[in-house]
N, C-alpha and C. Protein backbone atom coordinates (compact mmCIF):
# COMPACT_ATOMS: atom_id res chain seq x y z
N MET A 1 41.33 88.92 -4.37
CA MET A 1 41.46 87.58 -3.85
C MET A 1 41.38 86.59 -5.02
N THR A 2 42.28 85.62 -5.04
CA THR A 2 42.31 84.61 -6.08
C THR A 2 41.66 83.33 -5.57
N PHE A 3 40.77 82.78 -6.39
CA PHE A 3 40.13 81.51 -6.04
C PHE A 3 40.99 80.36 -6.53
N ASP A 4 41.26 79.43 -5.67
CA ASP A 4 42.03 78.25 -6.02
C ASP A 4 41.07 77.05 -6.00
N PRO A 5 40.79 76.45 -7.15
CA PRO A 5 39.83 75.34 -7.20
C PRO A 5 40.25 74.13 -6.36
N ARG A 6 41.51 74.07 -6.00
CA ARG A 6 41.98 72.96 -5.15
C ARG A 6 41.47 73.09 -3.72
N THR A 7 40.86 74.24 -3.40
CA THR A 7 40.32 74.46 -2.06
C THR A 7 39.32 73.38 -1.69
N ILE A 8 38.59 72.87 -2.65
CA ILE A 8 37.61 71.82 -2.40
C ILE A 8 38.16 70.45 -2.80
N SER A 9 38.87 70.38 -3.90
CA SER A 9 39.37 69.10 -4.39
C SER A 9 40.38 68.45 -3.45
N LYS A 10 41.31 69.23 -2.95
CA LYS A 10 42.38 68.67 -2.13
C LYS A 10 41.86 68.02 -0.85
N PRO A 11 41.05 68.71 -0.03
CA PRO A 11 40.58 68.03 1.18
C PRO A 11 39.66 66.85 0.88
N THR A 12 38.87 66.94 -0.18
CA THR A 12 38.00 65.82 -0.54
C THR A 12 38.83 64.58 -0.83
N HIS A 13 39.84 64.74 -1.66
CA HIS A 13 40.72 63.62 -1.98
C HIS A 13 41.39 63.09 -0.72
N GLU A 14 41.88 63.98 0.12
CA GLU A 14 42.58 63.56 1.33
C GLU A 14 41.66 62.79 2.28
N TYR A 15 40.45 63.29 2.49
CA TYR A 15 39.51 62.61 3.40
C TYR A 15 39.17 61.21 2.87
N LEU A 16 38.85 61.10 1.60
CA LEU A 16 38.51 59.78 1.03
C LEU A 16 39.72 58.85 1.04
N ASN A 17 40.86 59.36 0.68
CA ASN A 17 42.07 58.56 0.64
C ASN A 17 42.44 58.06 2.04
N ASN A 18 42.30 58.92 3.04
CA ASN A 18 42.60 58.53 4.42
C ASN A 18 41.62 57.47 4.91
N LEU A 19 40.33 57.62 4.57
CA LEU A 19 39.34 56.64 4.99
C LEU A 19 39.64 55.29 4.35
N ARG A 20 39.92 55.29 3.08
CA ARG A 20 40.28 54.03 2.42
C ARG A 20 41.54 53.44 3.05
N GLY A 21 42.50 54.29 3.35
CA GLY A 21 43.77 53.83 3.92
C GLY A 21 43.63 53.06 5.21
N ILE A 22 42.64 53.39 6.01
CA ILE A 22 42.39 52.66 7.26
C ILE A 22 42.12 51.19 6.96
N TYR A 23 41.30 50.95 5.94
CA TYR A 23 40.93 49.58 5.59
C TYR A 23 42.03 48.90 4.77
N GLN A 24 42.78 49.66 3.99
CA GLN A 24 43.93 49.11 3.27
C GLN A 24 44.94 48.58 4.26
N GLN A 25 45.19 49.34 5.31
CA GLN A 25 46.13 48.92 6.34
C GLN A 25 45.60 47.70 7.09
N ALA A 26 44.31 47.70 7.42
CA ALA A 26 43.72 46.55 8.12
C ALA A 26 43.83 45.29 7.27
N LEU A 27 43.65 45.42 5.96
CA LEU A 27 43.79 44.27 5.07
C LEU A 27 45.23 43.78 5.06
N SER A 28 46.18 44.69 4.94
CA SER A 28 47.59 44.30 4.88
C SER A 28 48.07 43.69 6.20
N GLN A 29 47.40 44.01 7.30
CA GLN A 29 47.76 43.45 8.61
C GLN A 29 46.88 42.26 8.98
N ASN A 30 46.09 41.77 8.01
CA ASN A 30 45.22 40.62 8.19
C ASN A 30 44.17 40.79 9.29
N GLN A 31 43.77 42.04 9.54
CA GLN A 31 42.69 42.30 10.50
C GLN A 31 41.33 42.06 9.84
N ILE A 32 41.29 42.20 8.52
CA ILE A 32 40.09 41.89 7.73
C ILE A 32 40.54 41.11 6.51
N ASN A 33 39.61 40.36 5.91
CA ASN A 33 39.97 39.61 4.72
C ASN A 33 39.58 40.39 3.46
N LYS A 34 39.97 39.88 2.31
CA LYS A 34 39.75 40.57 1.03
C LYS A 34 38.25 40.76 0.75
N LYS A 35 37.45 39.78 1.07
CA LYS A 35 36.00 39.89 0.84
C LYS A 35 35.40 41.00 1.70
N GLU A 36 35.77 41.06 2.97
CA GLU A 36 35.28 42.11 3.87
C GLU A 36 35.76 43.48 3.38
N PHE A 37 37.01 43.54 2.96
CA PHE A 37 37.59 44.78 2.43
C PHE A 37 36.80 45.27 1.22
N ASN A 38 36.60 44.40 0.24
CA ASN A 38 35.90 44.79 -0.98
C ASN A 38 34.46 45.19 -0.70
N SER A 39 33.78 44.43 0.12
CA SER A 39 32.38 44.72 0.44
C SER A 39 32.24 46.07 1.14
N HIS A 40 33.12 46.31 2.09
CA HIS A 40 33.04 47.57 2.85
C HIS A 40 33.38 48.77 1.97
N LEU A 41 34.42 48.64 1.17
CA LEU A 41 34.79 49.75 0.30
C LEU A 41 33.77 49.99 -0.79
N GLN A 42 33.09 48.95 -1.24
CA GLN A 42 32.00 49.14 -2.21
C GLN A 42 30.89 49.98 -1.58
N GLU A 43 30.58 49.71 -0.33
CA GLU A 43 29.57 50.49 0.39
C GLU A 43 30.01 51.96 0.50
N GLN A 44 31.27 52.18 0.82
CA GLN A 44 31.79 53.55 0.90
C GLN A 44 31.70 54.25 -0.45
N LYS A 45 32.17 53.58 -1.48
CA LYS A 45 32.19 54.18 -2.81
C LYS A 45 30.76 54.53 -3.27
N SER A 46 29.86 53.61 -3.08
CA SER A 46 28.48 53.82 -3.49
C SER A 46 27.87 55.03 -2.79
N GLU A 47 28.10 55.15 -1.51
CA GLU A 47 27.55 56.28 -0.75
C GLU A 47 28.18 57.59 -1.22
N ALA A 48 29.48 57.60 -1.45
CA ALA A 48 30.16 58.82 -1.88
C ALA A 48 29.61 59.31 -3.22
N VAL A 49 29.33 58.38 -4.11
CA VAL A 49 28.81 58.73 -5.43
C VAL A 49 27.37 59.26 -5.33
N GLN A 50 26.62 58.79 -4.35
CA GLN A 50 25.20 59.15 -4.22
C GLN A 50 24.93 60.39 -3.36
N LEU A 51 25.94 60.96 -2.76
CA LEU A 51 25.73 62.11 -1.86
C LEU A 51 25.00 63.27 -2.54
N TYR A 52 25.38 63.60 -3.76
CA TYR A 52 24.77 64.74 -4.44
C TYR A 52 23.26 64.56 -4.58
N GLY A 53 22.84 63.40 -5.03
CA GLY A 53 21.41 63.12 -5.19
C GLY A 53 20.67 63.19 -3.87
N TYR A 54 21.29 62.69 -2.82
CA TYR A 54 20.65 62.72 -1.50
C TYR A 54 20.48 64.15 -1.02
N ILE A 55 21.54 64.92 -1.09
CA ILE A 55 21.48 66.31 -0.59
C ILE A 55 20.50 67.13 -1.42
N SER A 56 20.52 66.97 -2.73
CA SER A 56 19.62 67.76 -3.58
C SER A 56 18.17 67.37 -3.36
N SER A 57 17.91 66.13 -2.98
CA SER A 57 16.52 65.70 -2.72
C SER A 57 16.07 65.98 -1.29
N TRP A 58 16.95 65.71 -0.34
CA TRP A 58 16.53 65.71 1.07
C TRP A 58 17.17 66.80 1.91
N GLY A 59 18.32 67.31 1.55
CA GLY A 59 18.95 68.38 2.30
C GLY A 59 19.98 67.90 3.31
N LEU A 60 20.69 68.87 3.86
CA LEU A 60 21.78 68.58 4.79
C LEU A 60 21.30 68.06 6.14
N MET A 61 20.19 68.60 6.63
CA MET A 61 19.71 68.15 7.93
C MET A 61 19.34 66.67 7.89
N ARG A 62 18.69 66.24 6.83
CA ARG A 62 18.33 64.82 6.73
C ARG A 62 19.56 63.94 6.54
N LEU A 63 20.56 64.45 5.82
CA LEU A 63 21.79 63.68 5.68
C LEU A 63 22.45 63.51 7.04
N LYS A 64 22.47 64.56 7.83
CA LYS A 64 23.05 64.47 9.18
C LYS A 64 22.23 63.50 10.02
N GLY A 65 20.92 63.55 9.87
CA GLY A 65 20.05 62.60 10.56
C GLY A 65 20.34 61.16 10.17
N GLU A 66 20.64 60.97 8.90
CA GLU A 66 21.00 59.63 8.40
C GLU A 66 22.27 59.13 9.07
N GLU A 67 23.24 60.01 9.22
CA GLU A 67 24.48 59.63 9.90
C GLU A 67 24.18 59.19 11.34
N ILE A 68 23.34 59.95 12.02
CA ILE A 68 22.98 59.62 13.40
C ILE A 68 22.25 58.29 13.47
N ALA A 69 21.31 58.08 12.55
CA ALA A 69 20.54 56.83 12.53
C ALA A 69 21.40 55.62 12.26
N LEU A 70 22.44 55.78 11.45
CA LEU A 70 23.31 54.65 11.10
C LEU A 70 24.37 54.35 12.16
N ASN A 71 24.55 55.26 13.12
CA ASN A 71 25.58 55.09 14.13
C ASN A 71 25.12 54.07 15.18
N LYS A 72 25.76 52.92 15.17
CA LYS A 72 25.39 51.82 16.08
C LYS A 72 26.36 51.69 17.25
N TRP A 73 27.26 52.66 17.39
CA TRP A 73 28.36 52.47 18.33
C TRP A 73 28.21 53.32 19.58
N ASP A 74 28.72 52.78 20.66
CA ASP A 74 28.85 53.50 21.92
C ASP A 74 30.14 54.31 21.84
N SER A 75 30.02 55.61 21.98
CA SER A 75 31.21 56.47 21.80
C SER A 75 32.29 56.21 22.84
N THR A 76 31.95 55.62 23.96
CA THR A 76 32.96 55.33 24.98
C THR A 76 33.67 54.01 24.72
N ASN A 77 33.14 53.20 23.78
CA ASN A 77 33.74 51.91 23.48
C ASN A 77 33.75 51.70 21.97
N PRO A 78 34.69 52.36 21.25
CA PRO A 78 34.70 52.28 19.79
C PRO A 78 34.93 50.85 19.29
N PRO A 79 34.33 50.51 18.16
CA PRO A 79 34.44 49.15 17.63
C PRO A 79 35.81 48.91 17.00
N THR A 80 36.15 47.65 16.87
CA THR A 80 37.38 47.27 16.18
C THR A 80 37.18 47.50 14.68
N ILE A 81 38.27 47.53 13.96
CA ILE A 81 38.20 47.70 12.50
C ILE A 81 37.45 46.52 11.88
N LYS A 82 37.62 45.34 12.41
CA LYS A 82 36.92 44.14 11.93
C LYS A 82 35.42 44.32 12.10
N LYS A 83 35.01 44.79 13.25
CA LYS A 83 33.58 45.00 13.52
C LYS A 83 33.01 46.06 12.57
N ARG A 84 33.77 47.14 12.36
CA ARG A 84 33.32 48.19 11.45
C ARG A 84 33.19 47.67 10.03
N ALA A 85 34.17 46.88 9.60
CA ALA A 85 34.17 46.38 8.22
C ALA A 85 33.06 45.37 7.97
N THR A 86 32.59 44.70 9.00
CA THR A 86 31.59 43.66 8.81
C THR A 86 30.19 44.06 9.24
N THR A 87 30.01 45.31 9.66
CA THR A 87 28.69 45.79 10.05
C THR A 87 28.02 46.47 8.86
N SER A 88 26.84 45.98 8.52
CA SER A 88 26.08 46.53 7.39
C SER A 88 25.81 48.03 7.60
N GLN A 89 25.98 48.79 6.56
CA GLN A 89 25.73 50.22 6.50
C GLN A 89 26.81 51.08 7.16
N GLU A 90 27.82 50.47 7.76
CA GLU A 90 28.88 51.25 8.40
C GLU A 90 29.69 52.03 7.38
N GLY A 91 29.90 51.48 6.21
CA GLY A 91 30.61 52.20 5.16
C GLY A 91 29.88 53.46 4.75
N ARG A 92 28.56 53.38 4.68
CA ARG A 92 27.74 54.56 4.38
C ARG A 92 27.93 55.62 5.46
N ARG A 93 27.84 55.20 6.72
CA ARG A 93 27.96 56.15 7.83
C ARG A 93 29.33 56.81 7.82
N GLU A 94 30.37 56.03 7.54
CA GLU A 94 31.72 56.59 7.53
C GLU A 94 31.86 57.66 6.45
N ILE A 95 31.27 57.44 5.29
CA ILE A 95 31.35 58.44 4.22
C ILE A 95 30.59 59.69 4.61
N ILE A 96 29.42 59.55 5.20
CA ILE A 96 28.65 60.73 5.62
C ILE A 96 29.42 61.50 6.68
N GLU A 97 30.01 60.80 7.64
CA GLU A 97 30.82 61.44 8.67
C GLU A 97 32.01 62.16 8.02
N CYS A 98 32.66 61.50 7.09
CA CYS A 98 33.79 62.07 6.36
C CYS A 98 33.35 63.33 5.60
N PHE A 99 32.19 63.25 4.97
CA PHE A 99 31.66 64.38 4.21
C PHE A 99 31.44 65.59 5.12
N PHE A 100 30.81 65.40 6.26
CA PHE A 100 30.56 66.53 7.16
C PHE A 100 31.85 67.09 7.75
N ASN A 101 32.81 66.25 8.02
CA ASN A 101 34.11 66.75 8.50
C ASN A 101 34.80 67.58 7.42
N CYS A 102 34.71 67.13 6.18
CA CYS A 102 35.29 67.87 5.07
C CYS A 102 34.53 69.19 4.84
N LEU A 103 33.21 69.13 4.90
CA LEU A 103 32.40 70.35 4.74
C LEU A 103 32.73 71.35 5.84
N GLN A 104 32.92 70.86 7.03
CA GLN A 104 33.31 71.74 8.15
C GLN A 104 34.62 72.44 7.83
N GLU A 105 35.57 71.70 7.28
CA GLU A 105 36.87 72.27 6.96
C GLU A 105 36.79 73.31 5.85
N VAL A 106 36.11 72.99 4.75
CA VAL A 106 36.10 73.92 3.61
C VAL A 106 35.18 75.11 3.85
N SER A 107 34.17 74.96 4.69
CA SER A 107 33.24 76.07 4.94
C SER A 107 33.65 76.90 6.15
N THR A 108 34.56 76.39 6.95
CA THR A 108 34.95 76.98 8.23
C THR A 108 33.75 77.17 9.17
N THR A 109 32.74 76.33 9.00
CA THR A 109 31.60 76.31 9.92
C THR A 109 31.92 75.27 10.99
N ARG A 110 31.99 75.73 12.21
CA ARG A 110 32.38 74.84 13.30
C ARG A 110 31.23 73.93 13.72
N ASN A 111 31.61 72.77 14.23
CA ASN A 111 30.68 71.79 14.82
C ASN A 111 29.70 71.17 13.82
N LEU A 112 30.10 71.02 12.56
CA LEU A 112 29.26 70.28 11.61
C LEU A 112 29.49 68.78 11.77
N GLY A 113 30.74 68.41 11.93
CA GLY A 113 31.06 67.02 12.17
C GLY A 113 30.75 66.68 13.61
N GLY A 114 30.59 65.42 13.88
CA GLY A 114 30.38 64.99 15.26
C GLY A 114 28.94 65.08 15.71
N GLU A 115 28.77 64.87 16.99
CA GLU A 115 27.44 64.75 17.59
C GLU A 115 26.62 66.03 17.56
N ASN A 116 27.25 67.18 17.55
CA ASN A 116 26.51 68.45 17.59
C ASN A 116 26.17 69.00 16.22
N GLY A 117 26.51 68.27 15.16
CA GLY A 117 26.29 68.76 13.80
C GLY A 117 24.85 69.10 13.48
N LEU A 118 23.92 68.27 13.94
CA LEU A 118 22.51 68.54 13.66
C LEU A 118 22.06 69.83 14.33
N GLU A 119 22.47 70.03 15.56
CA GLU A 119 22.11 71.28 16.26
C GLU A 119 22.71 72.49 15.56
N THR A 120 23.94 72.35 15.08
CA THR A 120 24.57 73.44 14.34
C THR A 120 23.76 73.78 13.10
N LEU A 121 23.37 72.77 12.34
CA LEU A 121 22.56 73.01 11.14
C LEU A 121 21.21 73.64 11.48
N LYS A 122 20.58 73.17 12.52
CA LYS A 122 19.27 73.71 12.92
C LYS A 122 19.35 75.17 13.35
N ASN A 123 20.48 75.55 13.92
CA ASN A 123 20.62 76.90 14.46
C ASN A 123 21.19 77.93 13.48
N LEU A 124 21.57 77.51 12.28
CA LEU A 124 22.07 78.48 11.29
C LEU A 124 20.92 79.35 10.80
N ASP A 125 21.18 80.62 10.53
CA ASP A 125 20.13 81.44 9.91
C ASP A 125 19.93 80.93 8.49
N HIS A 126 18.78 81.25 7.91
CA HIS A 126 18.40 80.65 6.63
C HIS A 126 19.39 80.97 5.50
N ASN A 127 19.93 82.17 5.47
CA ASN A 127 20.90 82.51 4.42
C ASN A 127 22.17 81.68 4.54
N ARG A 128 22.63 81.52 5.74
CA ARG A 128 23.85 80.72 5.97
C ARG A 128 23.59 79.25 5.62
N TYR A 129 22.41 78.74 5.99
CA TYR A 129 22.06 77.35 5.70
C TYR A 129 21.98 77.13 4.18
N LEU A 130 21.35 78.06 3.46
CA LEU A 130 21.25 77.92 2.01
C LEU A 130 22.62 77.99 1.35
N GLY A 131 23.46 78.89 1.82
CA GLY A 131 24.82 78.99 1.29
C GLY A 131 25.62 77.74 1.57
N LEU A 132 25.47 77.20 2.77
CA LEU A 132 26.17 75.97 3.13
C LEU A 132 25.67 74.80 2.28
N THR A 133 24.38 74.78 2.00
CA THR A 133 23.82 73.73 1.15
C THR A 133 24.40 73.80 -0.26
N GLY A 134 24.54 75.00 -0.79
CA GLY A 134 25.16 75.17 -2.11
C GLY A 134 26.59 74.66 -2.12
N LEU A 135 27.34 74.99 -1.09
CA LEU A 135 28.71 74.51 -0.98
C LEU A 135 28.72 72.99 -0.82
N ALA A 136 27.79 72.46 -0.06
CA ALA A 136 27.69 71.01 0.15
C ALA A 136 27.41 70.29 -1.16
N LEU A 137 26.59 70.87 -2.01
CA LEU A 137 26.31 70.24 -3.31
C LEU A 137 27.57 70.20 -4.18
N THR A 138 28.34 71.27 -4.15
CA THR A 138 29.61 71.30 -4.89
C THR A 138 30.57 70.27 -4.31
N LEU A 139 30.63 70.19 -3.00
CA LEU A 139 31.50 69.22 -2.34
C LEU A 139 31.05 67.79 -2.67
N ALA A 140 29.75 67.57 -2.72
CA ALA A 140 29.22 66.24 -3.06
C ALA A 140 29.62 65.83 -4.47
N GLN A 141 29.66 66.78 -5.39
CA GLN A 141 30.14 66.48 -6.74
C GLN A 141 31.60 66.05 -6.69
N GLU A 142 32.39 66.70 -5.88
CA GLU A 142 33.80 66.33 -5.72
C GLU A 142 33.93 64.94 -5.12
N PHE A 143 33.09 64.64 -4.12
CA PHE A 143 33.12 63.30 -3.52
C PHE A 143 32.83 62.24 -4.58
N SER A 144 31.87 62.51 -5.43
CA SER A 144 31.51 61.56 -6.48
C SER A 144 32.69 61.34 -7.43
N PHE A 145 33.30 62.42 -7.86
CA PHE A 145 34.45 62.30 -8.76
C PHE A 145 35.59 61.55 -8.09
N TRP A 146 35.97 61.99 -6.90
CA TRP A 146 37.13 61.40 -6.24
C TRP A 146 36.87 59.98 -5.77
N ALA A 147 35.63 59.62 -5.52
CA ALA A 147 35.31 58.23 -5.16
C ALA A 147 35.71 57.30 -6.30
N ASP A 148 35.42 57.71 -7.52
CA ASP A 148 35.82 56.88 -8.67
C ASP A 148 37.33 56.77 -8.78
N ALA A 149 38.04 57.82 -8.42
CA ALA A 149 39.50 57.78 -8.50
C ALA A 149 40.11 57.00 -7.33
N VAL A 150 39.67 57.29 -6.12
CA VAL A 150 40.23 56.65 -4.93
C VAL A 150 39.86 55.17 -4.85
N TYR A 151 38.64 54.85 -5.26
CA TYR A 151 38.15 53.46 -5.21
C TYR A 151 38.12 52.85 -6.62
N HIS A 152 39.07 53.22 -7.45
CA HIS A 152 39.10 52.80 -8.86
C HIS A 152 39.07 51.29 -9.05
N ASP A 153 39.60 50.56 -8.10
CA ASP A 153 39.67 49.09 -8.22
C ASP A 153 38.47 48.38 -7.60
N ILE A 154 37.55 49.13 -7.03
CA ILE A 154 36.37 48.56 -6.40
C ILE A 154 35.22 48.65 -7.38
N LYS A 155 34.70 47.50 -7.75
CA LYS A 155 33.62 47.43 -8.75
C LYS A 155 32.29 47.13 -8.07
N ALA A 156 31.21 47.51 -8.71
CA ALA A 156 29.87 47.25 -8.19
C ALA A 156 29.67 45.75 -7.99
N GLY A 157 29.04 45.42 -6.87
CA GLY A 157 28.71 44.03 -6.62
C GLY A 157 29.81 43.18 -6.02
N GLU A 158 30.96 43.77 -5.75
CA GLU A 158 32.05 42.99 -5.15
C GLU A 158 31.82 42.86 -3.66
């Protein structure tokens, strides 16, 4: 079997690029203004860069808990893009959600993304959880790298 390093890089880039694209489109359609765009993307970029440190200090279960704690939305009534862009910490939550969806894809572990992700993590046997954590750390490094590339025009403090 041949290992292809793009197995992790490609989906990471695609997930981040797609997330940014939602707000790029909203900006071009005047659903959000440039200040809201920059502020929200700065929050996304910052969280993507910090994922490795968070996971290595606190672990995957706490990261999933963070996503749950940051979710302010009623799933039956999703917010508008304007509301998402102007709600504090929403950019962080979106990156964490994006990260777990990407981890689900590259690990082929079902139900990591979404509402059942915490239960999935809690129910993994210890060897599987440790292996998934190792993969998550590698994926977090990719998120950090690709955040700088995808959000290259977003500077700190904007």
